[in-house]
Amino acid sequence: MLEHHLKALRLPTILREYDKVAQQCAAEDVDYPRFLLRLTEQELLDRERRACTERRVRTSEVPVLKESG
């Protein structure tokens, strides 16, 4: 059910990372608010990274190749 909600909310990084971060936080005895903070920080960083990459592609001078078919 959690996976469904994360997909519906378009939170791909949290979907991909929550289990790993949960295990790390459990091992480090991190409380729940800090667990959520780590997850949301990763989501924001990933979104910023993707936006920067997409912006670079849009502003590049490289011509777009169209597939024939």
PDB file of N, CA and C in Angstrom:
ATOM      1  N   MET A   1       0.816  -1.190   0.000  1.00  0.00           N
ATOM      2  CA  MET A   1       0.000   0.000   0.000  1.00  0.00           C
ATOM      3  C   MET A   1       0.868   1.265   0.000  1.00  0.00           C
ATOM      4  N   LEU A   2       1.954   1.231   0.772  1.00  0.00           N
ATOM      5  CA  LEU A   2       2.857   2.388   0.811  1.00  0.00           C
ATOM      6  C   LEU A   2       3.422   2.668  -0.577  1.00  0.00           C
ATOM      7  N   GLU A   3       3.837   1.624  -1.276  1.00  0.00           N
ATOM      8  CA  GLU A   3       4.389   1.814  -2.619  1.00  0.00           C
ATOM      9  C   GLU A   3       3.369   2.464  -3.542  1.00  0.00           C
ATOM     10  N   HIS A   4       2.145   2.044  -3.463  1.00  0.00           N
ATOM     11  CA  HIS A   4       1.085   2.624  -4.277  1.00  0.00           C
ATOM     12  C   HIS A   4       0.946   4.122  -3.995  1.00  0.00           C
ATOM     13  N   HIS A   5       0.925   4.488  -2.731  1.00  0.00           N
ATOM     14  CA  HIS A   5       0.763   5.898  -2.360  1.00  0.00           C
ATOM     15  C   HIS A   5       1.968   6.736  -2.793  1.00  0.00           C
ATOM     16  N   LEU A   6       3.166   6.197  -2.628  1.00  0.00           N
ATOM     17  CA  LEU A   6       4.355   6.943  -3.042  1.00  0.00           C
ATOM     18  C   LEU A   6       4.377   7.144  -4.556  1.00  0.00           C
ATOM     19  N   LYS A   7       3.930   6.148  -5.306  1.00  0.00           N
ATOM     20  CA  LYS A   7       3.835   6.306  -6.761  1.00  0.00           C
ATOM     21  C   LYS A   7       2.779   7.351  -7.117  1.00  0.00           C
ATOM     22  N   ALA A   8       1.633   7.295  -6.442  1.00  0.00           N
ATOM     23  CA  ALA A   8       0.557   8.245  -6.716  1.00  0.00           C
ATOM     24  C   ALA A   8       0.981   9.676  -6.381  1.00  0.00           C
ATOM     25  N   LEU A   9       1.787   9.827  -5.341  1.00  0.00           N
ATOM     26  CA  LEU A   9       2.274  11.147  -4.943  1.00  0.00           C
ATOM     27  C   LEU A   9       3.509  11.578  -5.729  1.00  0.00           C
ATOM     28  N   ARG A  10       3.985  10.700  -6.596  1.00  0.00           N
ATOM     29  CA  ARG A  10       5.166  10.955  -7.423  1.00  0.00           C
ATOM     30  C   ARG A  10       6.385  11.280  -6.564  1.00  0.00           C
ATOM     31  N   LEU A  11       6.709  10.328  -5.704  1.00  0.00           N
ATOM     32  CA  LEU A  11       7.875  10.425  -4.836  1.00  0.00           C
ATOM     33  C   LEU A  11       8.820   9.251  -5.124  1.00  0.00           C
ATOM     34  N   PRO A  12       9.438   9.246  -6.306  1.00  0.00           N
ATOM     35  CA  PRO A  12      10.218   8.084  -6.714  1.00  0.00           C
ATOM     36  C   PRO A  12      11.453   7.822  -5.861  1.00  0.00           C
ATOM     37  N   THR A  13      12.100   8.861  -5.375  1.00  0.00           N
ATOM     38  CA  THR A  13      13.294   8.654  -4.567  1.00  0.00           C
ATOM     39  C   THR A  13      12.936   8.036  -3.229  1.00  0.00           C
ATOM     40  N   ILE A  14      11.878   8.520  -2.610  1.00  0.00           N
ATOM     41  CA  ILE A  14      11.438   7.934  -1.349  1.00  0.00           C
ATOM     42  C   ILE A  14      11.035   6.483  -1.573  1.00  0.00           C
ATOM     43  N   LEU A  15      10.333   6.216  -2.645  1.00  0.00           N
ATOM     44  CA  LEU A  15       9.924   4.852  -2.971  1.00  0.00           C
ATOM     45  C   LEU A  15      11.147   3.942  -3.090  1.00  0.00           C
ATOM     46  N   ARG A  16      12.169   4.436  -3.747  1.00  0.00           N
ATOM     47  CA  ARG A  16      13.371   3.646  -3.991  1.00  0.00           C
ATOM     48  C   ARG A  16      14.239   3.505  -2.740  1.00  0.00           C
ATOM     49  N   GLU A  17      14.267   4.523  -1.870  1.00  0.00           N
ATOM     50  CA  GLU A  17      15.237   4.576  -0.779  1.00  0.00           C
ATOM     51  C   GLU A  17      14.697   4.312   0.616  1.00  0.00           C
ATOM     52  N   TYR A  18      13.379   4.274   0.807  1.00  0.00           N
ATOM     53  CA  TYR A  18      12.866   4.250   2.175  1.00  0.00           C
ATOM     54  C   TYR A  18      13.312   3.035   2.973  1.00  0.00           C
ATOM     55  N   ASP A  19      13.407   1.875   2.346  1.00  0.00           N
ATOM     56  CA  ASP A  19      13.806   0.683   3.080  1.00  0.00           C
ATOM     57  C   ASP A  19      15.259   0.785   3.549  1.00  0.00           C
ATOM     58  N   LYS A  20      16.133   1.226   2.647  1.00  0.00           N
ATOM     59  CA  LYS A  20      17.550   1.364   2.989  1.00  0.00           C
ATOM     60  C   LYS A  20      17.741   2.411   4.089  1.00  0.00           C
ATOM     61  N   VAL A  21      17.068   3.551   3.962  1.00  0.00           N
ATOM     62  CA  VAL A  21      17.189   4.606   4.965  1.00  0.00           C
ATOM     63  C   VAL A  21      16.607   4.144   6.298  1.00  0.00           C
ATOM     64  N   ALA A  22      15.512   3.404   6.254  1.00  0.00           N
ATOM     65  CA  ALA A  22      14.913   2.880   7.489  1.00  0.00           C
ATOM     66  C   ALA A  22      15.889   1.961   8.212  1.00  0.00           C
ATOM     67  N   GLN A  23      16.576   1.100   7.471  1.00  0.00           N
ATOM     68  CA  GLN A  23      17.548   0.200   8.088  1.00  0.00           C
ATOM     69  C   GLN A  23      18.722   0.972   8.687  1.00  0.00           C
ATOM     70  N   GLN A  24      19.202   1.985   7.958  1.00  0.00           N
ATOM     71  CA  GLN A  24      20.300   2.801   8.466  1.00  0.00           C
ATOM     72  C   GLN A  24      19.882   3.543   9.732  1.00  0.00           C
ATOM     73  N   CYS A  25      18.691   4.113   9.716  1.00  0.00           N
ATOM     74  CA  CYS A  25      18.212   4.864  10.874  1.00  0.00           C
ATOM     75  C   CYS A  25      17.985   3.952  12.079  1.00  0.00           C
ATOM     76  N   ALA A  26      17.510   2.759  11.837  1.00  0.00           N
ATOM     77  CA  ALA A  26      17.320   1.810  12.929  1.00  0.00           C
ATOM     78  C   ALA A  26      18.669   1.433  13.543  1.00  0.00           C
ATOM     79  N   ALA A  27      19.663   1.212  12.699  1.00  0.00           N
ATOM     80  CA  ALA A  27      20.994   0.853  13.179  1.00  0.00           C
ATOM     81  C   ALA A  27      21.633   1.993  13.969  1.00  0.00           C
ATOM     82  N   GLU A  28      21.311   3.233  13.582  1.00  0.00           N
ATOM     83  CA  GLU A  28      21.878   4.415  14.240  1.00  0.00           C
ATOM     84  C   GLU A  28      20.975   4.945  15.348  1.00  0.00           C
ATOM     85  N   ASP A  29      19.865   4.264  15.616  1.00  0.00           N
ATOM     86  CA  ASP A  29      18.894   4.677  16.629  1.00  0.00           C
ATOM     87  C   ASP A  29      18.388   6.105  16.373  1.00  0.00           C
ATOM     88  N   VAL A  30      18.095   6.387  15.100  1.00  0.00           N
ATOM     89  CA  VAL A  30      17.581   7.697  14.689  1.00  0.00           C
ATOM     90  C   VAL A  30      16.064   7.719  14.900  1.00  0.00           C
ATOM     91  N   ASP A  31      15.559   8.819  15.415  1.00  0.00           N
ATOM     92  CA  ASP A  31      14.118   8.906  15.662  1.00  0.00           C
ATOM     93  C   ASP A  31      13.345   9.109  14.352  1.00  0.00           C
ATOM     94  N   TYR A  32      12.038   8.947  14.440  1.00  0.00           N
ATOM     95  CA  TYR A  32      11.187   8.990  13.252  1.00  0.00           C
ATOM     96  C   TYR A  32      11.232  10.335  12.519  1.00  0.00           C
ATOM     97  N   PRO A  33      11.169  11.480  13.228  1.00  0.00           N
ATOM     98  CA  PRO A  33      11.252  12.753  12.490  1.00  0.00           C
ATOM     99  C   PRO A  33      12.543  12.889  11.682  1.00  0.00           C
ATOM    100  N   ARG A  34      13.647  12.437  12.222  1.00  0.00           N
ATOM    101  CA  ARG A  34      14.913  12.523  11.471  1.00  0.00           C
ATOM    102  C   ARG A  34      14.933  11.536  10.302  1.00  0.00           C
ATOM    103  N   PHE A  35      14.291  10.390  10.467  1.00  0.00           N
ATOM    104  CA  PHE A  35      14.134   9.436   9.365  1.00  0.00           C
ATOM    105  C   PHE A  35      13.386  10.106   8.216  1.00  0.00           C
ATOM    106  N   LEU A  36      12.267  10.758   8.535  1.00  0.00           N
ATOM    107  CA  LEU A  36      11.501  11.461   7.497  1.00  0.00           C
ATOM    108  C   LEU A  36      12.308  12.592   6.883  1.00  0.00           C
ATOM    109  N   LEU A  37      13.075  13.282   7.705  1.00  0.00           N
ATOM    110  CA  LEU A  37      13.918  14.365   7.205  1.00  0.00           C
ATOM    111  C   LEU A  37      14.920  13.832   6.187  1.00  0.00           C
ATOM    112  N   ARG A  38      15.565  12.730   6.505  1.00  0.00           N
ATOM    113  CA  ARG A  38      16.537  12.147   5.570  1.00  0.00           C
ATOM    114  C   ARG A  38      15.882  11.752   4.254  1.00  0.00           C
ATOM    115  N   LEU A  39      14.723  11.128   4.339  1.00  0.00           N
ATOM    116  CA  LEU A  39      14.026  10.723   3.119  1.00  0.00           C
ATOM    117  C   LEU A  39      13.630  11.918   2.264  1.00  0.00           C
ATOM    118  N   THR A  40      13.045  12.922   2.899  1.00  0.00           N
ATOM    119  CA  THR A  40      12.584  14.083   2.132  1.00  0.00           C
ATOM    120  C   THR A  40      13.751  14.888   1.579  1.00  0.00           C
ATOM    121  N   GLU A  41      14.857  14.931   2.313  1.00  0.00           N
ATOM    122  CA  GLU A  41      16.045  15.608   1.783  1.00  0.00           C
ATOM    123  C   GLU A  41      16.538  14.911   0.525  1.00  0.00           C
ATOM    124  N   GLN A  42      16.561  13.583   0.556  1.00  0.00           N
ATOM    125  CA  GLN A  42      16.997  12.835  -0.630  1.00  0.00           C
ATOM    126  C   GLN A  42      16.066  13.091  -1.810  1.00  0.00           C
ATOM    127  N   GLU A  43      14.766  13.141  -1.547  1.00  0.00           N
ATOM    128  CA  GLU A  43      13.799  13.404  -2.617  1.00  0.00           C
ATOM    129  C   GLU A  43      14.048  14.784  -3.224  1.00  0.00           C
ATOM    130  N   LEU A  44      14.237  15.781  -2.384  1.00  0.00           N
ATOM    131  CA  LEU A  44      14.477  17.140  -2.883  1.00  0.00           C
ATOM    132  C   LEU A  44      15.779  17.229  -3.673  1.00  0.00           C
ATOM    133  N   LEU A  45      16.838  16.627  -3.163  1.00  0.00           N
ATOM    134  CA  LEU A  45      18.118  16.656  -3.873  1.00  0.00           C
ATOM    135  C   LEU A  45      18.011  15.977  -5.234  1.00  0.00           C
ATOM    136  N   ASP A  46      17.321  14.862  -5.278  1.00  0.00           N
ATOM    137  CA  ASP A  46      17.150  14.147  -6.541  1.00  0.00           C
ATOM    138  C   ASP A  46      16.340  14.982  -7.531  1.00  0.00           C
ATOM    139  N   ARG A  47      15.301  15.635  -7.047  1.00  0.00           N
ATOM    140  CA  ARG A  47      14.491  16.490  -7.932  1.00  0.00           C
ATOM    141  C   ARG A  47      15.313  17.658  -8.463  1.00  0.00           C
ATOM    142  N   GLU A  48      16.116  18.265  -7.597  1.00  0.00           N
ATOM    143  CA  GLU A  48      16.963  19.377  -8.044  1.00  0.00           C
ATOM    144  C   GLU A  48      17.965  18.907  -9.089  1.00  0.00           C
ATOM    145  N   ARG A  49      18.539  17.737  -8.866  1.00  0.00           N
ATOM    146  CA  ARG A  49      19.498  17.172  -9.810  1.00  0.00           C
ATOM    147  C   ARG A  49      18.843  16.918 -11.167  1.00  0.00           C
ATOM    148  N   ARG A  50      17.646  16.312 -11.147  1.00  0.00           N
ATOM    149  CA  ARG A  50      16.930  16.039 -12.406  1.00  0.00           C
ATOM    150  C   ARG A  50      16.546  17.341 -13.108  1.00  0.00           C
ATOM    151  N   ALA A  51      16.081  18.326 -12.351  1.00  0.00           N
ATOM    152  CA  ALA A  51      15.682  19.606 -12.952  1.00  0.00           C
ATOM    153  C   ALA A  51      16.879  20.291 -13.601  1.00  0.00           C
ATOM    154  N   CYS A  52      18.017  20.222 -12.942  1.00  0.00           N
ATOM    155  CA  CYS A  52      19.232  20.827 -13.488  1.00  0.00           C
ATOM    156  C   CYS A  52      19.634  20.124 -14.786  1.00  0.00           C
ATOM    157  N   THR A  53      19.580  18.817 -14.793  1.00  0.00           N
ATOM    158  CA  THR A  53      19.918  18.052 -15.994  1.00  0.00           C
ATOM    159  C   THR A  53      18.952  18.379 -17.122  1.00  0.00           C
ATOM    160  N   GLU A  54      17.661  18.411 -16.811  1.00  0.00           N
ATOM    161  CA  GLU A  54      16.664  18.722 -17.840  1.00  0.00           C
ATOM    162  C   GLU A  54      16.848  20.138 -18.373  1.00  0.00           C
ATOM    163  N   ARG A  55      17.193  21.070 -17.498  1.00  0.00           N
ATOM    164  CA  ARG A  55      17.417  22.449 -17.920  1.00  0.00           C
ATOM    165  C   ARG A  55      18.627  22.518 -18.844  1.00  0.00           C
ATOM    166  N   ARG A  56      19.675  21.781 -18.524  1.00  0.00           N
ATOM    167  CA  ARG A  56      20.864  21.766 -19.380  1.00  0.00           C
ATOM    168  C   ARG A  56      20.544  21.204 -20.756  1.00  0.00           C
ATOM    169  N   VAL A  57      19.754  20.166 -20.802  1.00  0.00           N
ATOM    170  CA  VAL A  57      19.384  19.569 -22.088  1.00  0.00           C
ATOM    171  C   VAL A  57      18.565  20.562 -22.906  1.00  0.00           C
ATOM    172  N   ARG A  58      17.613  21.227 -22.265  1.00  0.00           N
ATOM    173  CA  ARG A  58      16.768  22.193 -22.985  1.00  0.00           C
ATOM    174  C   ARG A  58      17.572  23.359 -23.529  1.00  0.00           C
ATOM    175  N   THR A  59      18.563  23.816 -22.777  1.00  0.00           N
ATOM    176  CA  THR A  59      19.320  24.997 -23.200  1.00  0.00           C
ATOM    177  C   THR A  59      20.534  24.665 -24.048  1.00  0.00           C
ATOM    178  N   SER A  60      20.801  23.380 -24.256  1.00  0.00           N
ATOM    179  CA  SER A  60      21.966  22.994 -25.051  1.00  0.00           C
ATOM    180  C   SER A  60      21.712  23.299 -26.522  1.00  0.00           C
ATOM    181  N   GLU A  61      22.773  23.360 -27.243  1.00  0.00           N
ATOM    182  CA  GLU A  61      22.702  23.623 -28.675  1.00  0.00           C
ATOM    183  C   GLU A  61      22.691  22.335 -29.492  1.00  0.00           C
ATOM    184  N   VAL A  62      22.625  21.210 -28.817  1.00  0.00           N
ATOM    185  CA  VAL A  62      22.650  19.922 -29.502  1.00  0.00           C
ATOM    186  C   VAL A  62      21.305  19.689 -30.190  1.00  0.00           C
ATOM    187  N   PRO A  63      21.308  19.389 -31.480  1.00  0.00           N
ATOM    188  CA  PRO A  63      20.045  19.141 -32.176  1.00  0.00           C
ATOM    189  C   PRO A  63      19.397  17.832 -31.702  1.00  0.00           C
ATOM    190  N   VAL A  64      18.109  17.828 -31.652  1.00  0.00           N
ATOM    191  CA  VAL A  64      17.360  16.649 -31.232  1.00  0.00           C
ATOM    192  C   VAL A  64      17.177  15.744 -32.443  1.00  0.00           C
ATOM    193  N   LEU A  65      17.539  14.478 -32.289  1.00  0.00           N
ATOM    194  CA  LEU A  65      17.368  13.517 -33.374  1.00  0.00           C
ATOM    195  C   LEU A  65      16.023  12.844 -33.214  1.00  0.00           C
ATOM    196  N   LYS A  66      15.288  12.771 -34.299  1.00  0.00           N
ATOM    197  CA  LYS A  66      13.995  12.108 -34.286  1.00  0.00           C
ATOM    198  C   LYS A  66      14.158  10.724 -34.885  1.00  0.00           C
ATOM    199  N   GLU A  67      13.497   9.753 -34.245  1.00  0.00           N
ATOM    200  CA  GLU A  67      13.554   8.394 -34.767  1.00  0.00           C
ATOM    201  C   GLU A  67      12.591   8.272 -35.939  1.00  0.00           C
ATOM    202  N   SER A  68      13.008   7.550 -36.949  1.00  0.00           N
ATOM    203  CA  SER A  68      12.105   7.307 -38.064  1.00  0.00           C
ATOM    204  C   SER A  68      11.327   6.030 -37.802  1.00  0.00           C
ATOM    205  N   GLY A  69      10.145   5.999 -38.305  1.00  0.00           N
ATOM    206  CA  GLY A  69       9.440   4.744 -38.127  1.00  0.00           C
ATOM    207  C   GLY A  69       8.049   4.953 -37.961  1.00  0.00           C
TER     208      GLY A  69
END
